[in-house]
């Protein structure tokens, strides 16, 4: 789904104009980027959790030569889906935490 389709769907479901829905989507993206850049997390109950995780430095291998290379430490964005989202996608009940 493209952003324009998302905005149109939000506008329809929320009963607001597409301009208002677009501003809401833009605001969410801006707030999410700022929060995650600071190292915070975003938890949307039932949907999931966005968080930044530190990856330690490690030794890897060059895929063609097999030569060892140093991989620098970094921060990566992770998303963990919530139970309701998992259930909607997989058809599971959504009540079992191991789903």
PDB file of N, CA and C in Angstrom:
ATOM      1  N   UNK A   1       0.839  -1.174   0.000  1.00  0.00           N
ATOM      2  CA  UNK A   1       0.000   0.000   0.000  1.00  0.00           C
ATOM      3  C   UNK A   1       0.887   1.242   0.000  1.00  0.00           C
ATOM      4  N   UNK A   2       0.563   2.156  -0.860  1.00  0.00           N
ATOM      5  CA  UNK A   2       1.299   3.420  -0.940  1.00  0.00           C
ATOM      6  C   UNK A   2       0.740   4.396   0.086  1.00  0.00           C
ATOM      7  N   UNK A   3       1.517   5.452   0.376  1.00  0.00           N
ATOM      8  CA  UNK A   3       1.098   6.448   1.351  1.00  0.00           C
ATOM      9  C   UNK A   3      -0.238   7.080   0.958  1.00  0.00           C
ATOM     10  N   UNK A   4      -0.421   7.368  -0.319  1.00  0.00           N
ATOM     11  CA  UNK A   4      -1.673   7.997  -0.756  1.00  0.00           C
ATOM     12  C   UNK A   4      -2.869   7.084  -0.492  1.00  0.00           C
ATOM     13  N   UNK A   5      -2.698   5.770  -0.663  1.00  0.00           N
ATOM     14  CA  UNK A   5      -3.769   4.821  -0.380  1.00  0.00           C
ATOM     15  C   UNK A   5      -4.047   4.751   1.120  1.00  0.00           C
ATOM     16  N   UNK A   6      -2.985   4.786   1.920  1.00  0.00           N
ATOM     17  CA  UNK A   6      -3.140   4.787   3.367  1.00  0.00           C
ATOM     18  C   UNK A   6      -3.911   6.020   3.823  1.00  0.00           C
ATOM     19  N   UNK A   7      -3.534   7.177   3.308  1.00  0.00           N
ATOM     20  CA  UNK A   7      -4.213   8.427   3.660  1.00  0.00           C
ATOM     21  C   UNK A   7      -5.686   8.356   3.279  1.00  0.00           C
ATOM     22  N   UNK A   8      -5.989   7.854   2.097  1.00  0.00           N
ATOM     23  CA  UNK A   8      -7.380   7.744   1.653  1.00  0.00           C
ATOM     24  C   UNK A   8      -8.171   6.806   2.555  1.00  0.00           C
ATOM     25  N   UNK A   9      -7.574   5.673   2.945  1.00  0.00           N
ATOM     26  CA  UNK A   9      -8.259   4.726   3.829  1.00  0.00           C
ATOM     27  C   UNK A   9      -8.486   5.318   5.216  1.00  0.00           C
ATOM     28  N   UNK A  10      -7.489   6.011   5.752  1.00  0.00           N
ATOM     29  CA  UNK A  10      -7.647   6.650   7.060  1.00  0.00           C
ATOM     30  C   UNK A  10      -8.753   7.697   6.999  1.00  0.00           C
ATOM     31  N   UNK A  11      -8.753   8.502   5.959  1.00  0.00           N
ATOM     32  CA  UNK A  11      -9.771   9.537   5.806  1.00  0.00           C
ATOM     33  C   UNK A  11     -11.164   8.922   5.798  1.00  0.00           C
ATOM     34  N   UNK A  12     -11.325   7.839   5.062  1.00  0.00           N
ATOM     35  CA  UNK A  12     -12.629   7.197   4.962  1.00  0.00           C
ATOM     36  C   UNK A  12     -13.058   6.590   6.295  1.00  0.00           C
ATOM     37  N   UNK A  13     -12.158   5.838   6.944  1.00  0.00           N
ATOM     38  CA  UNK A  13     -12.515   5.173   8.198  1.00  0.00           C
ATOM     39  C   UNK A  13     -12.725   6.154   9.350  1.00  0.00           C
ATOM     40  N   UNK A  14     -11.940   7.230   9.372  1.00  0.00           N
ATOM     41  CA  UNK A  14     -12.036   8.199  10.462  1.00  0.00           C
ATOM     42  C   UNK A  14     -13.080   9.279  10.193  1.00  0.00           C
ATOM     43  N   UNK A  15     -13.566   9.349   8.971  1.00  0.00           N
ATOM     44  CA  UNK A  15     -14.563  10.358   8.626  1.00  0.00           C
ATOM     45  C   UNK A  15     -13.987  11.769   8.616  1.00  0.00           C
ATOM     46  N   UNK A  16     -12.726  11.881   8.161  1.00  0.00           N
ATOM     47  CA  UNK A  16     -12.079  13.191   8.058  1.00  0.00           C
ATOM     48  C   UNK A  16     -11.663  13.413   6.609  1.00  0.00           C
ATOM     49  N   UNK A  17     -11.236  14.631   6.306  1.00  0.00           N
ATOM     50  CA  UNK A  17     -10.794  14.911   4.937  1.00  0.00           C
ATOM     51  C   UNK A  17      -9.451  14.235   4.676  1.00  0.00           C
ATOM     52  N   UNK A  18      -9.147  14.055   3.389  1.00  0.00           N
ATOM     53  CA  UNK A  18      -7.852  13.464   3.039  1.00  0.00           C
ATOM     54  C   UNK A  18      -6.710  14.377   3.461  1.00  0.00           C
ATOM     55  N   UNK A  19      -6.932  15.684   3.431  1.00  0.00           N
ATOM     56  CA  UNK A  19      -5.889  16.625   3.860  1.00  0.00           C
ATOM     57  C   UNK A  19      -5.584  16.432   5.339  1.00  0.00           C
ATOM     58  N   UNK A  20      -6.638  16.295   6.154  1.00  0.00           N
ATOM     59  CA  UNK A  20      -6.432  16.076   7.589  1.00  0.00           C
ATOM     60  C   UNK A  20      -5.749  14.729   7.844  1.00  0.00           C
ATOM     61  N   UNK A  21      -6.178  13.705   7.140  1.00  0.00           N
ATOM     62  CA  UNK A  21      -5.571  12.381   7.287  1.00  0.00           C
ATOM     63  C   UNK A  21      -4.105  12.422   6.862  1.00  0.00           C
ATOM     64  N   UNK A  22      -3.794  13.141   5.792  1.00  0.00           N
ATOM     65  CA  UNK A  22      -2.412  13.278   5.330  1.00  0.00           C
ATOM     66  C   UNK A  22      -1.546  13.970   6.364  1.00  0.00           C
ATOM     67  N   UNK A  23      -2.091  15.020   6.988  1.00  0.00           N
ATOM     68  CA  UNK A  23      -1.343  15.726   8.033  1.00  0.00           C
ATOM     69  C   UNK A  23      -1.110  14.807   9.235  1.00  0.00           C
ATOM     70  N   UNK A  24      -2.093  13.979   9.560  1.00  0.00           N
ATOM     71  CA  UNK A  24      -1.948  13.040  10.675  1.00  0.00           C
ATOM     72  C   UNK A  24      -0.860  12.002  10.379  1.00  0.00           C
ATOM     73  N   UNK A  25      -0.846  11.482   9.180  1.00  0.00           N
ATOM     74  CA  UNK A  25       0.190  10.513   8.793  1.00  0.00           C
ATOM     75  C   UNK A  25       1.567  11.179   8.829  1.00  0.00           C
ATOM     76  N   UNK A  26       1.675  12.380   8.276  1.00  0.00           N
ATOM     77  CA  UNK A  26       2.955  13.104   8.295  1.00  0.00           C
ATOM     78  C   UNK A  26       3.416  13.365   9.720  1.00  0.00           C
ATOM     79  N   UNK A  27       2.471  13.723  10.607  1.00  0.00           N
ATOM     80  CA  UNK A  27       2.818  13.980  12.002  1.00  0.00           C
ATOM     81  C   UNK A  27       3.310  12.710  12.680  1.00  0.00           C
ATOM     82  N   UNK A  28       2.644  11.583  12.421  1.00  0.00           N
ATOM     83  CA  UNK A  28       3.074  10.319  13.007  1.00  0.00           C
ATOM     84  C   UNK A  28       4.486   9.967  12.561  1.00  0.00           C
ATOM     85  N   UNK A  29       4.761  10.104  11.269  1.00  0.00           N
ATOM     86  CA  UNK A  29       6.087   9.772  10.741  1.00  0.00           C
ATOM     87  C   UNK A  29       7.150  10.665  11.378  1.00  0.00           C
ATOM     88  N   UNK A  30       6.869  11.956  11.509  1.00  0.00           N
ATOM     89  CA  UNK A  30       7.833  12.886  12.106  1.00  0.00           C
ATOM     90  C   UNK A  30       8.083  12.554  13.574  1.00  0.00           C
ATOM     91  N   UNK A  31       7.026  12.287  14.321  1.00  0.00           N
ATOM     92  CA  UNK A  31       7.171  11.956  15.734  1.00  0.00           C
ATOM     93  C   UNK A  31       7.901  10.637  15.901  1.00  0.00           C
ATOM     94  N   UNK A  32       7.571   9.652  15.080  1.00  0.00           N
ATOM     95  CA  UNK A  32       8.235   8.352  15.158  1.00  0.00           C
ATOM     96  C   UNK A  32       9.723   8.477  14.861  1.00  0.00           C
ATOM     97  N   UNK A  33      10.071   9.210  13.826  1.00  0.00           N
ATOM     98  CA  UNK A  33      11.486   9.375  13.468  1.00  0.00           C
ATOM     99  C   UNK A  33      12.248  10.064  14.590  1.00  0.00           C
ATOM    100  N   UNK A  34      11.669  11.116  15.157  1.00  0.00           N
ATOM    101  CA  UNK A  34      12.331  11.848  16.236  1.00  0.00           C
ATOM    102  C   UNK A  34      12.503  10.970  17.481  1.00  0.00           C
ATOM    103  N   UNK A  35      11.461  10.254  17.845  1.00  0.00           N
ATOM    104  CA  UNK A  35      11.502   9.389  19.024  1.00  0.00           C
ATOM    105  C   UNK A  35      12.529   8.278  18.858  1.00  0.00           C
ATOM    106  N   UNK A  36      12.527   7.622  17.713  1.00  0.00           N
ATOM    107  CA  UNK A  36      13.453   6.523  17.468  1.00  0.00           C
ATOM    108  C   UNK A  36      14.887   7.019  17.348  1.00  0.00           C
ATOM    109  N   UNK A  37      15.098   8.191  16.776  1.00  0.00           N
ATOM    110  CA  UNK A  37      16.451   8.754  16.664  1.00  0.00           C
ATOM    111  C   UNK A  37      17.038   9.030  18.046  1.00  0.00           C
ATOM    112  N   UNK A  38      16.182   9.384  19.012  1.00  0.00           N
ATOM    113  CA  UNK A  38      16.635   9.624  20.384  1.00  0.00           C
ATOM    114  C   UNK A  38      16.867   8.322  21.138  1.00  0.00           C
ATOM    115  N   UNK A  39      16.523   7.184  20.536  1.00  0.00           N
ATOM    116  CA  UNK A  39      16.699   5.892  21.197  1.00  0.00           C
ATOM    117  C   UNK A  39      15.459   5.412  21.914  1.00  0.00           C
ATOM    118  N   UNK A  40      14.346   6.134  21.767  1.00  0.00           N
ATOM    119  CA  UNK A  40      13.095   5.726  22.393  1.00  0.00           C
ATOM    120  C   UNK A  40      12.425   4.621  21.602  1.00  0.00           C
ATOM    121  N   UNK A  41      11.284   4.195  22.089  1.00  0.00           N
ATOM    122  CA  UNK A  41      10.527   3.181  21.357  1.00  0.00           C
ATOM    123  C   UNK A  41       9.084   3.642  21.210  1.00  0.00           C
ATOM    124  N   UNK A  42       8.363   3.003  20.308  1.00  0.00           N
ATOM    125  CA  UNK A  42       6.963   3.312  20.053  1.00  0.00           C
ATOM    126  C   UNK A  42       6.187   2.015  20.192  1.00  0.00           C
ATOM    127  N   UNK A  43       5.249   2.006  21.129  1.00  0.00           N
ATOM    128  CA  UNK A  43       4.436   0.812  21.371  1.00  0.00           C
ATOM    129  C   UNK A  43       2.983   1.123  21.057  1.00  0.00           C
ATOM    130  N   UNK A  44       2.446   0.419  20.106  1.00  0.00           N
ATOM    131  CA  UNK A  44       1.041   0.556  19.736  1.00  0.00           C
ATOM    132  C   UNK A  44       0.361  -0.764  20.098  1.00  0.00           C
ATOM    133  N   UNK A  45      -0.394  -0.760  21.182  1.00  0.00           N
ATOM    134  CA  UNK A  45      -1.005  -1.972  21.703  1.00  0.00           C
ATOM    135  C   UNK A  45      -1.780  -2.697  20.610  1.00  0.00           C
ATOM    136  N   UNK A  46      -1.476  -3.968  20.465  1.00  0.00           N
ATOM    137  CA  UNK A  46      -2.136  -4.803  19.467  1.00  0.00           C
ATOM    138  C   UNK A  46      -1.460  -4.764  18.110  1.00  0.00           C
ATOM    139  N   UNK A  47      -0.828  -3.622  17.783  1.00  0.00           N
ATOM    140  CA  UNK A  47      -0.174  -3.488  16.480  1.00  0.00           C
ATOM    141  C   UNK A  47       1.275  -3.951  16.553  1.00  0.00           C
ATOM    142  N   UNK A  48       2.054  -3.362  17.473  1.00  0.00           N
ATOM    143  CA  UNK A  48       3.432  -3.778  17.603  1.00  0.00           C
ATOM    144  C   UNK A  48       4.307  -2.720  18.235  1.00  0.00           C
ATOM    145  N   UNK A  49       5.601  -2.994  18.241  1.00  0.00           N
ATOM    146  CA  UNK A  49       6.572  -2.129  18.889  1.00  0.00           C
ATOM    147  C   UNK A  49       7.729  -1.851  17.933  1.00  0.00           C
ATOM    148  N   UNK A  50       8.019  -0.564  17.759  1.00  0.00           N
ATOM    149  CA  UNK A  50       9.196  -0.137  17.005  1.00  0.00           C
ATOM    150  C   UNK A  50      10.252   0.234  18.032  1.00  0.00           C
ATOM    151  N   UNK A  51      11.475  -0.270  17.884  1.00  0.00           N
ATOM    152  CA  UNK A  51      12.536   0.073  18.815  1.00  0.00           C
ATOM    153  C   UNK A  51      13.885   0.061  18.116  1.00  0.00           C
ATOM    154  N   UNK A  52      14.833   0.798  18.704  1.00  0.00           N
ATOM    155  CA  UNK A  52      16.191   0.841  18.188  1.00  0.00           C
ATOM    156  C   UNK A  52      17.037  -0.062  19.072  1.00  0.00           C
ATOM    157  N   UNK A  53      17.805  -0.951  18.444  1.00  0.00           N
ATOM    158  CA  UNK A  53      18.622  -1.913  19.169  1.00  0.00           C
ATOM    159  C   UNK A  53      20.082  -1.725  18.752  1.00  0.00           C
ATOM    160  N   UNK A  54      20.976  -1.769  19.733  1.00  0.00           N
ATOM    161  CA  UNK A  54      22.407  -1.647  19.450  1.00  0.00           C
ATOM    162  C   UNK A  54      22.951  -2.987  18.967  1.00  0.00           C
ATOM    163  N   UNK A  55      23.632  -2.963  17.828  1.00  0.00           N
ATOM    164  CA  UNK A  55      24.315  -4.150  17.311  1.00  0.00           C
ATOM    165  C   UNK A  55      25.796  -3.995  17.649  1.00  0.00           C
ATOM    166  N   UNK A  56      26.397  -4.923  18.360  1.00  0.00           N
ATOM    167  CA  UNK A  56      27.814  -4.791  18.700  1.00  0.00           C
ATOM    168  C   UNK A  56      28.706  -4.994  17.467  1.00  0.00           C
ATOM    169  N   UNK A  57      29.920  -4.486  17.573  1.00  0.00           N
ATOM    170  CA  UNK A  57      30.898  -4.730  16.507  1.00  0.00           C
ATOM    171  C   UNK A  57      31.163  -6.238  16.445  1.00  0.00           C
ATOM    172  N   UNK A  58      31.450  -6.713  15.251  1.00  0.00           N
ATOM    173  CA  UNK A  58      31.694  -8.151  15.099  1.00  0.00           C
ATOM    174  C   UNK A  58      32.585  -8.403  13.897  1.00  0.00           C
ATOM    175  N   UNK A  59      33.029  -9.625  13.778  1.00  0.00           N
ATOM    176  CA  UNK A  59      33.848 -10.045  12.636  1.00  0.00           C
ATOM    177  C   UNK A  59      32.943 -10.821  11.683  1.00  0.00           C
ATOM    178  N   UNK A  60      32.979 -10.440  10.406  1.00  0.00           N
ATOM    179  CA  UNK A  60      32.203 -11.129   9.391  1.00  0.00           C
ATOM    180  C   UNK A  60      33.123 -11.678   8.320  1.00  0.00           C
ATOM    181  N   UNK A  61      32.560 -12.241   7.293  1.00  0.00           N
ATOM    182  CA  UNK A  61      33.346 -12.771   6.173  1.00  0.00           C
ATOM    183  C   UNK A  61      32.850 -12.156   4.879  1.00  0.00           C
ATOM    184  N   UNK A  62      33.792 -11.781   4.022  1.00  0.00           N
ATOM    185  CA  UNK A  62      33.458 -11.283   2.693  1.00  0.00           C
ATOM    186  C   UNK A  62      32.889 -12.465   1.921  1.00  0.00           C
ATOM    187  N   UNK A  63      31.698 -12.346   1.319  1.00  0.00           N
ATOM    188  CA  UNK A  63      31.055 -13.499   0.695  1.00  0.00           C
ATOM    189  C   UNK A  63      31.807 -14.097  -0.491  1.00  0.00           C
ATOM    190  N   UNK A  64      32.549 -13.284  -1.219  1.00  0.00           N
ATOM    191  CA  UNK A  64      33.264 -13.839  -2.383  1.00  0.00           C
ATOM    192  C   UNK A  64      34.624 -14.407  -2.026  1.00  0.00           C
ATOM    193  N   UNK A  65      35.366 -13.692  -1.180  1.00  0.00           N
ATOM    194  CA  UNK A  65      36.735 -14.098  -0.898  1.00  0.00           C
ATOM    195  C   UNK A  65      36.876 -14.916   0.368  1.00  0.00           C
ATOM    196  N   UNK A  66      35.895 -14.830   1.266  1.00  0.00           N
ATOM    197  CA  UNK A  66      35.993 -15.530   2.534  1.00  0.00           C
ATOM    198  C   UNK A  66      36.880 -14.808   3.532  1.00  0.00           C
ATOM    199  N   UNK A  67      37.435 -13.663   3.125  1.00  0.00           N
ATOM    200  CA  UNK A  67      38.322 -12.888   3.993  1.00  0.00           C
ATOM    201  C   UNK A  67      37.537 -12.321   5.166  1.00  0.00           C
ATOM    202  N   UNK A  68      38.142 -12.345   6.373  1.00  0.00           N
ATOM    203  CA  UNK A  68      37.491 -11.760   7.541  1.00  0.00           C
ATOM    204  C   UNK A  68      37.486 -10.240   7.425  1.00  0.00           C
ATOM    205  N   UNK A  69      36.361  -9.649   7.794  1.00  0.00           N
ATOM    206  CA  UNK A  69      36.264  -8.189   7.789  1.00  0.00           C
ATOM    207  C   UNK A  69      35.644  -7.735   9.111  1.00  0.00           C
ATOM    208  N   UNK A  70      36.019  -6.545   9.533  1.00  0.00           N
ATOM    209  CA  UNK A  70      35.464  -5.982  10.759  1.00  0.00           C
ATOM    210  C   UNK A  70      34.166  -5.249  10.412  1.00  0.00           C
ATOM    211  N   UNK A  71      33.116  -5.557  11.136  1.00  0.00           N
ATOM    212  CA  UNK A  71      31.834  -4.891  10.955  1.00  0.00           C
ATOM    213  C   UNK A  71      31.634  -3.990  12.166  1.00  0.00           C
ATOM    214  N   UNK A  72      31.479  -2.704  11.919  1.00  0.00           N
ATOM    215  CA  UNK A  72      31.375  -1.729  13.001  1.00  0.00           C
ATOM    216  C   UNK A  72      30.069  -1.893  13.772  1.00  0.00           C
ATOM    217  N   UNK A  73      30.081  -1.434  15.009  1.00  0.00           N
ATOM    218  CA  UNK A  73      28.861  -1.407  15.815  1.00  0.00           C
ATOM    219  C   UNK A  73      27.870  -0.446  15.154  1.00  0.00           C
ATOM    220  N   UNK A  74      26.598  -0.713  15.325  1.00  0.00           N
ATOM    221  CA  UNK A  74      25.580   0.146  14.711  1.00  0.00           C
ATOM    222  C   UNK A  74      24.284   0.062  15.519  1.00  0.00           C
ATOM    223  N   UNK A  75      23.365   0.924  15.169  1.00  0.00           N
ATOM    224  CA  UNK A  75      22.016   0.893  15.732  1.00  0.00           C
ATOM    225  C   UNK A  75      21.073   0.513  14.611  1.00  0.00           C
ATOM    226  N   UNK A  76      20.179  -0.427  14.886  1.00  0.00           N
ATOM    227  CA  UNK A  76      19.235  -0.877  13.871  1.00  0.00           C
ATOM    228  C   UNK A  76      17.810  -0.766  14.394  1.00  0.00           C
ATOM    229  N   UNK A  77      16.885  -0.539  13.490  1.00  0.00           N
ATOM    230  CA  UNK A  77      15.479  -0.437  13.832  1.00  0.00           C
ATOM    231  C   UNK A  77      14.851  -1.824  13.773  1.00  0.00           C
ATOM    232  N   UNK A  78      14.107  -2.164  14.829  1.00  0.00           N
ATOM    233  CA  UNK A  78      13.423  -3.454  14.874  1.00  0.00           C
ATOM    234  C   UNK A  78      11.931  -3.211  15.050  1.00  0.00           C
ATOM    235  N   UNK A  79      11.141  -4.087  14.481  1.00  0.00           N
ATOM    236  CA  UNK A  79       9.695  -4.062  14.673  1.00  0.00           C
ATOM    237  C   UNK A  79       9.259  -5.421  15.156  1.00  0.00           C
ATOM    238  N   UNK A  80       8.525  -5.439  16.257  1.00  0.00           N
ATOM    239  CA  UNK A  80       7.947  -6.686  16.767  1.00  0.00           C
ATOM    240  C   UNK A  80       6.440  -6.559  16.673  1.00  0.00           C
ATOM    241  N   UNK A  81       5.795  -7.398  15.891  1.00  0.00           N
ATOM    242  CA  UNK A  81       4.340  -7.290  15.748  1.00  0.00           C
ATOM    243  C   UNK A  81       3.628  -7.682  17.035  1.00  0.00           C
ATOM    244  N   UNK A  82       2.490  -7.028  17.288  1.00  0.00           N
ATOM    245  CA  UNK A  82       1.651  -7.346  18.433  1.00  0.00           C
ATOM    246  C   UNK A  82       0.746  -8.528  18.141  1.00  0.00           C
ATOM    247  N   UNK A  83       0.099  -9.018  19.187  1.00  0.00           N
ATOM    248  CA  UNK A  83      -0.746 -10.211  19.064  1.00  0.00           C
ATOM    249  C   UNK A  83      -1.891 -10.014  18.082  1.00  0.00           C
ATOM    250  N   UNK A  84      -2.531  -8.848  18.109  1.00  0.00           N
ATOM    251  CA  UNK A  84      -3.669  -8.632  17.206  1.00  0.00           C
ATOM    252  C   UNK A  84      -3.228  -8.577  15.747  1.00  0.00           C
ATOM    253  N   UNK A  85      -2.086  -7.946  15.484  1.00  0.00           N
ATOM    254  CA  UNK A  85      -1.571  -7.888  14.116  1.00  0.00           C
ATOM    255  C   UNK A  85      -1.172  -9.277  13.636  1.00  0.00           C
ATOM    256  N   UNK A  86      -0.479 -10.022  14.494  1.00  0.00           N
ATOM    257  CA  UNK A  86      -0.110 -11.397  14.131  1.00  0.00           C
ATOM    258  C   UNK A  86      -1.342 -12.221  13.800  1.00  0.00           C
ATOM    259  N   UNK A  87      -2.365 -12.089  14.636  1.00  0.00           N
ATOM    260  CA  UNK A  87      -3.590 -12.864  14.425  1.00  0.00           C
ATOM    261  C   UNK A  87      -4.260 -12.480  13.113  1.00  0.00           C
ATOM    262  N   UNK A  88      -4.264 -11.191  12.798  1.00  0.00           N
ATOM    263  CA  UNK A  88      -4.889 -10.750  11.553  1.00  0.00           C
ATOM    264  C   UNK A  88      -4.146 -11.285  10.336  1.00  0.00           C
ATOM    265  N   UNK A  89      -2.844 -11.381  10.444  1.00  0.00           N
ATOM    266  CA  UNK A  89      -2.027 -11.822   9.298  1.00  0.00           C
ATOM    267  C   UNK A  89      -2.017 -13.341   9.176  1.00  0.00           C
ATOM    268  N   UNK A  90      -1.909 -14.039  10.307  1.00  0.00           N
ATOM    269  CA  UNK A  90      -1.758 -15.493  10.262  1.00  0.00           C
ATOM    270  C   UNK A  90      -3.059 -16.252  10.412  1.00  0.00           C
ATOM    271  N   UNK A  91      -4.117 -15.556  10.858  1.00  0.00           N
ATOM    272  CA  UNK A  91      -5.387 -16.242  11.082  1.00  0.00           C
ATOM    273  C   UNK A  91      -5.435 -16.927  12.429  1.00  0.00           C
ATOM    274  N   UNK A  92      -4.424 -16.689  13.290  1.00  0.00           N
ATOM    275  CA  UNK A  92      -4.402 -17.302  14.623  1.00  0.00           C
ATOM    276  C   UNK A  92      -5.399 -16.581  15.523  1.00  0.00           C
ATOM    277  N   UNK A  93      -5.613 -17.119  16.707  1.00  0.00           N
ATOM    278  CA  UNK A  93      -6.610 -16.554  17.627  1.00  0.00           C
ATOM    279  C   UNK A  93      -6.201 -15.221  18.205  1.00  0.00           C
ATOM    280  N   UNK A  94      -4.894 -14.986  18.381  1.00  0.00           N
ATOM    281  CA  UNK A  94      -4.428 -13.720  18.934  1.00  0.00           C
ATOM    282  C   UNK A  94      -4.395 -13.705  20.444  1.00  0.00           C
ATOM    283  N   UNK A  95      -4.824 -14.812  21.086  1.00  0.00           N
ATOM    284  CA  UNK A  95      -4.826 -14.846  22.548  1.00  0.00           C
ATOM    285  C   UNK A  95      -3.613 -15.569  23.102  1.00  0.00           C
ATOM    286  N   UNK A  96      -2.964 -16.405  22.325  1.00  0.00           N
ATOM    287  CA  UNK A  96      -1.789 -17.130  22.779  1.00  0.00           C
ATOM    288  C   UNK A  96      -0.552 -16.289  22.537  1.00  0.00           C
ATOM    289  N   UNK A  97       0.231 -15.959  23.614  1.00  0.00           N
ATOM    290  CA  UNK A  97       1.406 -15.119  23.425  1.00  0.00           C
ATOM    291  C   UNK A  97       2.486 -15.782  22.568  1.00  0.00           C
ATOM    292  N   UNK A  98       2.397 -17.104  22.378  1.00  0.00           N
ATOM    293  CA  UNK A  98       3.402 -17.794  21.555  1.00  0.00           C
ATOM    294  C   UNK A  98       3.006 -17.866  20.092  1.00  0.00           C
ATOM    295  N   UNK A  99       1.865 -17.277  19.720  1.00  0.00           N
ATOM    296  CA  UNK A  99       1.435 -17.268  18.302  1.00  0.00           C
ATOM    297  C   UNK A  99       2.419 -16.508  17.460  1.00  0.00           C
TER     298      UNK A  99
END
